[in-house]
Amino acid sequence: MSSTELVLGGIKLMVFGMGMVFVFLCIVILMVNLMRKVLTPFASAFEALKAPATPAAKPAAKSGADADLAAAAAVAVAMARRY
């Protein structure tokens, strides 16, 4: 086989692969839209299952474990920068 035939074979394979991915993505988009249309009537039932909103909790004070984790991350970054 000549190099020209190999390049053309590679281009054909690339176009075929990209075409397959395009078709697959189109099918996924169609299926998502179909599922949205099918499940829209049931949305009110799912809204009833949601828990009522609770006020946001105050962030907890940093514990010793968080400080240790931050120190370990700082040491890891310092070591990575050396190499």
Protein backbone atom coordinates (compact mmCIF):
# COMPACT_ATOMS: atom_id res chain seq x y z
CA MET A 1 0.00 0.00 0.00
CA SER A 2 1.23 3.43 -0.80
CA SER A 3 1.18 6.29 1.65
CA THR A 4 -1.58 7.98 -0.35
CA GLU A 5 -3.85 4.96 0.05
CA LEU A 6 -3.13 4.86 3.77
CA VAL A 7 -3.95 8.55 4.18
CA LEU A 8 -7.18 8.19 2.20
CA GLY A 9 -8.13 5.14 4.27
CA GLY A 10 -7.50 7.14 7.45
CA ILE A 11 -9.63 10.02 6.19
CA LYS A 12 -12.47 7.63 5.30
CA LEU A 13 -12.27 6.07 8.75
CA MET A 14 -12.27 9.51 10.39
CA VAL A 15 -15.33 10.65 8.43
CA PHE A 16 -17.16 7.40 9.21
CA GLY A 17 -16.35 7.70 12.92
CA MET A 18 -17.39 11.34 13.11
CA GLY A 19 -20.60 10.50 11.24
CA MET A 20 -21.41 7.74 13.71
CA VAL A 21 -20.86 10.08 16.66
CA PHE A 22 -23.05 12.73 15.03
CA VAL A 23 -25.87 10.23 14.44
CA PHE A 24 -25.59 8.94 18.02
CA LEU A 25 -25.76 12.48 19.44
CA CYS A 26 -28.80 13.26 17.29
CA ILE A 27 -30.52 10.14 18.61
CA VAL A 28 -29.70 11.14 22.18
CA ILE A 29 -31.16 14.62 21.63
CA LEU A 30 -34.33 13.14 20.15
CA MET A 31 -34.71 10.70 23.04
CA VAL A 32 -34.23 13.44 25.66
CA ASN A 33 -36.88 15.58 23.97
CA LEU A 34 -39.23 12.60 23.77
CA MET A 35 -38.74 11.83 27.47
CA ARG A 36 -39.39 15.49 28.33
CA LYS A 37 -42.69 15.38 26.43
CA VAL A 38 -43.70 12.07 27.99
CA LEU A 39 -42.84 13.06 31.58
CA THR A 40 -44.20 16.63 31.54
CA PRO A 41 -47.73 15.55 32.63
CA PHE A 42 -46.23 13.84 35.67
CA ALA A 43 -44.23 16.89 36.80
CA SER A 44 -46.90 17.97 39.29
CA ALA A 45 -46.65 14.62 41.07
CA PHE A 46 -42.91 15.07 41.48
CA GLU A 47 -43.35 18.64 42.76
CA ALA A 48 -45.47 17.30 45.63
CA LEU A 49 -42.64 14.98 46.69
CA LYS A 50 -40.10 17.76 47.10
CA ALA A 51 -39.20 18.64 50.66
CA PRO A 52 -40.02 22.16 51.80
CA ALA A 53 -37.15 24.59 51.61
CA THR A 54 -35.24 24.99 54.84
CA PRO A 55 -33.18 28.02 55.75
CA ALA A 56 -29.51 27.71 54.94
CA ALA A 57 -27.40 26.59 57.85
CA LYS A 58 -24.53 28.73 58.99
CA PRO A 59 -21.17 27.42 57.81
CA ALA A 60 -19.47 25.43 60.51
CA ALA A 61 -16.27 26.70 62.03
CA LYS A 62 -13.13 25.08 60.67
CA SER A 63 -12.21 22.05 62.66
CA GLY A 64 -8.79 20.60 63.22
CA ALA A 65 -9.35 18.06 60.46
CA ASP A 66 -9.97 20.84 57.93
CA ALA A 67 -6.81 22.61 59.01
CA ASP A 68 -4.82 19.39 58.69
CA LEU A 69 -6.25 18.81 55.23
CA ALA A 70 -5.38 22.35 54.15
CA ALA A 71 -1.82 21.92 55.45
CA ALA A 72 -1.42 18.61 53.60
CA ALA A 73 -2.68 20.22 50.38
CA ALA A 74 -0.23 23.10 50.78
CA VAL A 75 2.68 20.68 51.27
CA ALA A 76 1.60 18.65 48.22
CA VAL A 77 1.47 21.79 46.05
CA ALA A 78 4.89 22.90 47.30
CA MET A 79 6.39 19.49 46.52
CA ALA A 80 4.80 19.41 43.06
CA ARG A 81 6.24 22.82 42.22
CA ARG A 82 9.73 21.64 43.09
CA TYR A 83 9.70 18.98 40.39
